């Protein structure tokens, strides 16, 4: 492992915002509220949520609509099936594919 990769992992471990973003996402907070609480941009918050959830073995599925910040989190599992579990949980919650094969939340699929 390179020195740069070690520094990135160490920085992420010391930065409690990653842990906080993941916990708030698991509680169901909207992306804008998490970004306001952590005082970072929504794009950076989205990356923090992805990193925090993927480190625990879960997967995040985001709505494909550019103006929507909806997401669903899959169960924490290891291996290939974690993305399939997130997709099945999204389908159970009413998420659907549109004609362009993009995954949309129930609000955007209407």
N, C-alpha and C. Protein backbone atom coordinates (compact mmCIF):
# COMPACT_ATOMS: atom_id res chain seq x y z
N UNK A 1 0.85 -1.17 0.00
CA UNK A 1 0.00 0.00 0.00
C UNK A 1 0.90 1.24 0.00
N UNK A 2 0.55 2.19 -0.83
CA UNK A 2 1.37 3.39 -0.95
C UNK A 2 1.18 4.30 0.26
N UNK A 3 2.09 5.23 0.41
CA UNK A 3 2.03 6.17 1.52
C UNK A 3 0.81 7.08 1.38
N UNK A 4 0.46 7.43 0.16
CA UNK A 4 -0.71 8.29 -0.06
C UNK A 4 -1.99 7.58 0.36
N UNK A 5 -2.09 6.29 0.06
CA UNK A 5 -3.28 5.53 0.44
C UNK A 5 -3.38 5.41 1.96
N UNK A 6 -2.24 5.24 2.62
CA UNK A 6 -2.23 5.16 4.08
C UNK A 6 -2.68 6.49 4.67
N UNK A 7 -2.23 7.60 4.10
CA UNK A 7 -2.62 8.92 4.60
C UNK A 7 -4.12 9.16 4.41
N UNK A 8 -4.66 8.72 3.28
CA UNK A 8 -6.09 8.89 3.05
C UNK A 8 -6.89 8.07 4.04
N UNK A 9 -6.49 6.82 4.28
CA UNK A 9 -7.20 5.99 5.26
C UNK A 9 -7.07 6.54 6.67
N UNK A 10 -5.89 7.04 7.02
CA UNK A 10 -5.69 7.61 8.35
C UNK A 10 -6.52 8.87 8.52
N UNK A 11 -6.56 9.71 7.49
CA UNK A 11 -7.36 10.93 7.56
C UNK A 11 -8.83 10.59 7.72
N UNK A 12 -9.32 9.60 6.98
CA UNK A 12 -10.71 9.19 7.08
C UNK A 12 -11.00 8.63 8.46
N UNK A 13 -10.07 7.88 9.04
CA UNK A 13 -10.27 7.31 10.36
C UNK A 13 -10.31 8.39 11.44
N UNK A 14 -9.51 9.43 11.27
CA UNK A 14 -9.48 10.49 12.26
C UNK A 14 -10.61 11.50 12.08
N UNK A 15 -11.18 11.58 10.89
CA UNK A 15 -12.24 12.53 10.61
C UNK A 15 -13.58 11.90 10.99
N UNK A 16 -14.17 12.34 12.08
CA UNK A 16 -15.41 11.75 12.57
C UNK A 16 -16.61 12.11 11.72
N UNK A 17 -16.44 13.03 10.75
CA UNK A 17 -17.55 13.38 9.89
C UNK A 17 -17.99 12.19 9.05
N UNK A 18 -17.05 11.32 8.66
CA UNK A 18 -17.42 10.13 7.89
C UNK A 18 -18.33 9.22 8.71
N UNK A 19 -17.96 9.01 9.96
CA UNK A 19 -18.77 8.17 10.84
C UNK A 19 -20.12 8.82 11.08
N UNK A 20 -20.13 10.12 11.32
CA UNK A 20 -21.38 10.83 11.58
C UNK A 20 -22.29 10.80 10.35
N UNK A 21 -21.74 11.01 9.16
CA UNK A 21 -22.55 10.99 7.94
C UNK A 21 -23.20 9.63 7.75
N UNK A 22 -22.47 8.57 7.99
CA UNK A 22 -23.01 7.22 7.87
C UNK A 22 -24.11 6.95 8.88
N UNK A 23 -23.90 7.39 10.12
CA UNK A 23 -24.91 7.17 11.15
C UNK A 23 -26.18 7.96 10.88
N UNK A 24 -26.03 9.21 10.44
CA UNK A 24 -27.21 10.02 10.14
C UNK A 24 -27.96 9.48 8.93
N UNK A 25 -27.23 8.93 7.96
CA UNK A 25 -27.89 8.34 6.79
C UNK A 25 -28.66 7.08 7.20
N UNK A 26 -28.09 6.30 8.09
CA UNK A 26 -28.79 5.10 8.56
C UNK A 26 -30.06 5.46 9.34
N UNK A 27 -30.07 6.63 9.97
CA UNK A 27 -31.26 7.10 10.69
C UNK A 27 -32.32 7.65 9.76
N UNK A 28 -31.98 7.83 8.48
CA UNK A 28 -32.96 8.29 7.51
C UNK A 28 -32.99 9.79 7.27
N UNK A 29 -31.96 10.50 7.70
CA UNK A 29 -31.92 11.94 7.47
C UNK A 29 -31.79 12.24 5.99
N UNK A 30 -32.41 13.31 5.50
CA UNK A 30 -32.22 13.71 4.10
C UNK A 30 -30.81 14.24 3.88
N UNK A 31 -30.36 14.17 2.65
CA UNK A 31 -28.99 14.57 2.32
C UNK A 31 -28.74 16.03 2.65
N UNK A 32 -29.68 16.91 2.37
CA UNK A 32 -29.50 18.34 2.64
C UNK A 32 -29.34 18.61 4.13
N UNK A 33 -30.07 17.88 4.94
CA UNK A 33 -29.97 18.07 6.40
C UNK A 33 -28.63 17.58 6.92
N UNK A 34 -28.14 16.46 6.40
CA UNK A 34 -26.82 15.95 6.81
C UNK A 34 -25.73 16.93 6.40
N UNK A 35 -25.83 17.47 5.17
CA UNK A 35 -24.84 18.44 4.69
C UNK A 35 -24.83 19.69 5.55
N UNK A 36 -26.01 20.16 5.95
CA UNK A 36 -26.08 21.35 6.81
C UNK A 36 -25.51 21.06 8.19
N UNK A 37 -25.76 19.87 8.73
CA UNK A 37 -25.25 19.52 10.05
C UNK A 37 -23.73 19.41 10.06
N UNK A 38 -23.16 18.87 8.98
CA UNK A 38 -21.71 18.69 8.91
C UNK A 38 -20.99 19.89 8.32
N UNK A 39 -21.77 20.85 7.79
CA UNK A 39 -21.23 22.07 7.19
C UNK A 39 -20.30 21.76 6.01
N UNK A 40 -20.76 20.86 5.14
CA UNK A 40 -20.04 20.53 3.91
C UNK A 40 -21.03 20.56 2.75
N UNK A 41 -20.52 20.47 1.54
CA UNK A 41 -21.38 20.49 0.37
C UNK A 41 -22.14 19.17 0.24
N UNK A 42 -23.28 19.19 -0.47
CA UNK A 42 -24.02 17.93 -0.67
C UNK A 42 -23.21 16.87 -1.42
N UNK A 43 -22.38 17.30 -2.37
CA UNK A 43 -21.56 16.33 -3.10
C UNK A 43 -20.56 15.65 -2.17
N UNK A 44 -19.95 16.42 -1.28
CA UNK A 44 -19.00 15.84 -0.33
C UNK A 44 -19.72 14.95 0.68
N UNK A 45 -20.93 15.34 1.06
CA UNK A 45 -21.72 14.52 1.98
C UNK A 45 -22.08 13.20 1.33
N UNK A 46 -22.43 13.24 0.06
CA UNK A 46 -22.76 12.01 -0.67
C UNK A 46 -21.56 11.06 -0.69
N UNK A 47 -20.37 11.59 -0.92
CA UNK A 47 -19.16 10.76 -0.91
C UNK A 47 -18.88 10.21 0.49
N UNK A 48 -19.12 11.01 1.51
CA UNK A 48 -18.92 10.54 2.89
C UNK A 48 -19.87 9.41 3.22
N UNK A 49 -21.12 9.53 2.80
CA UNK A 49 -22.10 8.47 3.07
C UNK A 49 -21.70 7.19 2.34
N UNK A 50 -21.29 7.32 1.08
CA UNK A 50 -20.85 6.14 0.32
C UNK A 50 -19.68 5.45 1.01
N UNK A 51 -18.69 6.24 1.45
CA UNK A 51 -17.52 5.66 2.11
C UNK A 51 -17.88 5.00 3.44
N UNK A 52 -18.68 5.68 4.25
CA UNK A 52 -19.02 5.15 5.57
C UNK A 52 -19.84 3.87 5.46
N UNK A 53 -20.78 3.83 4.54
CA UNK A 53 -21.62 2.64 4.40
C UNK A 53 -20.84 1.48 3.78
N UNK A 54 -19.97 1.78 2.80
CA UNK A 54 -19.21 0.70 2.16
C UNK A 54 -18.18 0.10 3.09
N UNK A 55 -17.67 0.86 4.04
CA UNK A 55 -16.71 0.30 4.99
C UNK A 55 -17.36 -0.69 5.95
N UNK A 56 -18.66 -0.54 6.21
CA UNK A 56 -19.35 -1.49 7.08
C UNK A 56 -19.88 -2.69 6.31
N UNK A 57 -19.76 -2.68 4.98
CA UNK A 57 -20.20 -3.80 4.18
C UNK A 57 -21.53 -3.58 3.50
N UNK A 58 -22.13 -2.42 3.67
CA UNK A 58 -23.40 -2.12 3.04
C UNK A 58 -23.20 -1.45 1.70
N UNK A 59 -24.30 -1.14 1.05
CA UNK A 59 -24.25 -0.46 -0.24
C UNK A 59 -25.36 0.59 -0.26
N UNK A 60 -25.09 1.69 -0.93
CA UNK A 60 -26.06 2.78 -1.05
C UNK A 60 -26.51 2.85 -2.50
N UNK A 61 -27.83 2.97 -2.71
CA UNK A 61 -28.38 3.19 -4.05
C UNK A 61 -28.99 4.58 -4.04
N UNK A 62 -28.58 5.41 -5.00
CA UNK A 62 -29.06 6.79 -5.11
C UNK A 62 -30.07 6.90 -6.24
N UNK A 63 -31.01 7.82 -6.10
CA UNK A 63 -31.98 8.10 -7.15
C UNK A 63 -31.23 8.70 -8.34
N UNK A 64 -31.57 8.28 -9.55
CA UNK A 64 -30.86 8.73 -10.74
C UNK A 64 -31.28 10.10 -11.22
N UNK A 65 -32.36 10.65 -10.67
CA UNK A 65 -32.80 11.98 -11.04
C UNK A 65 -31.78 13.00 -10.54
N UNK A 66 -31.39 13.93 -11.39
CA UNK A 66 -30.34 14.89 -11.05
C UNK A 66 -30.75 15.82 -9.92
N UNK A 67 -32.05 16.06 -9.74
CA UNK A 67 -32.51 17.00 -8.73
C UNK A 67 -32.99 16.33 -7.45
N UNK A 68 -32.86 15.04 -7.36
CA UNK A 68 -33.33 14.28 -6.21
C UNK A 68 -32.14 13.76 -5.41
N UNK A 69 -32.27 13.76 -4.09
CA UNK A 69 -31.21 13.26 -3.21
C UNK A 69 -31.64 12.04 -2.42
N UNK A 70 -32.64 11.31 -2.90
CA UNK A 70 -33.14 10.14 -2.19
C UNK A 70 -32.14 8.99 -2.31
N UNK A 71 -32.08 8.18 -1.26
CA UNK A 71 -31.18 7.03 -1.25
C UNK A 71 -31.78 5.92 -0.42
N UNK A 72 -31.30 4.73 -0.62
CA UNK A 72 -31.68 3.58 0.18
C UNK A 72 -30.40 2.81 0.50
N UNK A 73 -30.31 2.30 1.72
CA UNK A 73 -29.11 1.62 2.19
C UNK A 73 -29.40 0.13 2.30
N UNK A 74 -28.51 -0.68 1.74
CA UNK A 74 -28.64 -2.13 1.83
C UNK A 74 -28.07 -2.66 3.13
N UNK A 75 -28.42 -3.88 3.46
CA UNK A 75 -27.94 -4.51 4.68
C UNK A 75 -26.42 -4.68 4.63
N UNK A 76 -25.76 -4.55 5.78
CA UNK A 76 -24.31 -4.75 5.79
C UNK A 76 -23.95 -6.21 5.54
N UNK A 77 -23.36 -6.46 4.38
CA UNK A 77 -22.89 -7.80 4.02
C UNK A 77 -21.59 -7.67 3.25
N UNK A 78 -20.89 -8.72 3.17
CA UNK A 78 -19.63 -8.75 2.43
C UNK A 78 -19.84 -9.42 1.08
N UNK A 79 -19.00 -9.08 0.12
CA UNK A 79 -19.02 -9.77 -1.16
C UNK A 79 -19.89 -9.09 -2.20
N UNK A 80 -20.18 -9.84 -3.23
CA UNK A 80 -20.90 -9.31 -4.38
C UNK A 80 -22.37 -9.04 -4.05
N UNK A 81 -22.96 -9.80 -3.16
CA UNK A 81 -24.39 -9.72 -2.91
C UNK A 81 -24.83 -8.44 -2.22
N UNK A 82 -23.92 -7.63 -1.71
CA UNK A 82 -24.34 -6.43 -0.99
C UNK A 82 -25.03 -5.44 -1.91
N UNK A 83 -24.61 -5.34 -3.17
CA UNK A 83 -25.27 -4.44 -4.10
C UNK A 83 -26.64 -5.00 -4.51
N UNK A 84 -26.75 -6.31 -4.63
CA UNK A 84 -28.02 -6.94 -4.95
C UNK A 84 -29.01 -6.74 -3.79
N UNK A 85 -28.52 -6.81 -2.54
CA UNK A 85 -29.40 -6.60 -1.39
C UNK A 85 -29.91 -5.17 -1.35
N UNK A 86 -29.05 -4.21 -1.66
CA UNK A 86 -29.50 -2.81 -1.68
C UNK A 86 -30.54 -2.60 -2.77
N UNK A 87 -30.35 -3.26 -3.90
CA UNK A 87 -31.32 -3.14 -4.98
C UNK A 87 -32.65 -3.79 -4.62
N UNK A 88 -32.62 -4.94 -3.96
CA UNK A 88 -33.88 -5.58 -3.57
C UNK A 88 -34.61 -4.77 -2.51
N UNK A 89 -33.87 -4.13 -1.60
CA UNK A 89 -34.52 -3.28 -0.61
C UNK A 89 -35.10 -2.03 -1.27
N UNK A 90 -34.44 -1.52 -2.29
CA UNK A 90 -34.98 -0.37 -3.02
C UNK A 90 -36.26 -0.75 -3.74
N UNK A 91 -36.28 -1.91 -4.35
CA UNK A 91 -37.50 -2.35 -5.04
C UNK A 91 -38.64 -2.56 -4.06
N UNK A 92 -38.35 -3.11 -2.89
CA UNK A 92 -39.39 -3.31 -1.87
C UNK A 92 -39.95 -1.98 -1.38
N UNK A 93 -39.13 -0.94 -1.40
CA UNK A 93 -39.57 0.38 -0.94
C UNK A 93 -40.28 1.17 -2.02
N UNK A 94 -40.45 0.60 -3.20
CA UNK A 94 -41.19 1.26 -4.27
C UNK A 94 -40.33 1.91 -5.34
N UNK A 95 -39.03 1.68 -5.32
CA UNK A 95 -38.15 2.23 -6.35
C UNK A 95 -38.35 1.44 -7.64
N UNK A 96 -38.30 2.12 -8.76
CA UNK A 96 -38.52 1.48 -10.06
C UNK A 96 -37.50 1.97 -11.08
N UNK A 97 -37.34 1.18 -12.14
CA UNK A 97 -36.52 1.59 -13.27
C UNK A 97 -37.39 2.32 -14.28
N UNK A 98 -36.84 3.37 -14.89
CA UNK A 98 -37.58 4.05 -15.95
C UNK A 98 -37.20 3.43 -17.30
N UNK A 99 -37.65 4.04 -18.38
CA UNK A 99 -37.39 3.47 -19.71
C UNK A 99 -35.93 3.54 -20.11
N UNK A 100 -35.15 4.38 -19.46
CA UNK A 100 -33.71 4.47 -19.74
C UNK A 100 -32.88 3.59 -18.80
N UNK A 101 -33.55 2.73 -18.05
CA UNK A 101 -32.91 1.80 -17.11
C UNK A 101 -32.19 2.54 -15.98
N UNK A 102 -32.76 3.66 -15.54
CA UNK A 102 -32.24 4.39 -14.39
C UNK A 102 -33.11 4.09 -13.19
N UNK A 103 -32.51 3.91 -12.03
CA UNK A 103 -33.25 3.62 -10.81
C UNK A 103 -33.78 4.94 -10.22
N UNK A 104 -35.10 5.01 -10.04
CA UNK A 104 -35.74 6.22 -9.54
C UNK A 104 -36.51 5.92 -8.26
N UNK A 105 -36.53 6.89 -7.34
CA UNK A 105 -37.27 6.75 -6.09
C UNK A 105 -38.77 6.84 -6.39
N UNK A 106 -39.62 6.48 -5.42
CA UNK A 106 -41.07 6.53 -5.68
C UNK A 106 -41.58 7.92 -6.05
N UNK A 107 -41.01 8.96 -5.48
CA UNK A 107 -41.45 10.32 -5.78
C UNK A 107 -41.11 10.71 -7.22
N UNK A 108 -39.94 10.30 -7.70
CA UNK A 108 -39.52 10.67 -9.06
C UNK A 108 -40.08 9.73 -10.13
N UNK A 109 -40.52 8.55 -9.76
CA UNK A 109 -41.02 7.60 -10.76
C UNK A 109 -42.47 7.86 -11.16
N UNK A 110 -43.12 8.81 -10.51
CA UNK A 110 -44.51 9.15 -10.86
C UNK A 110 -44.57 9.90 -12.15
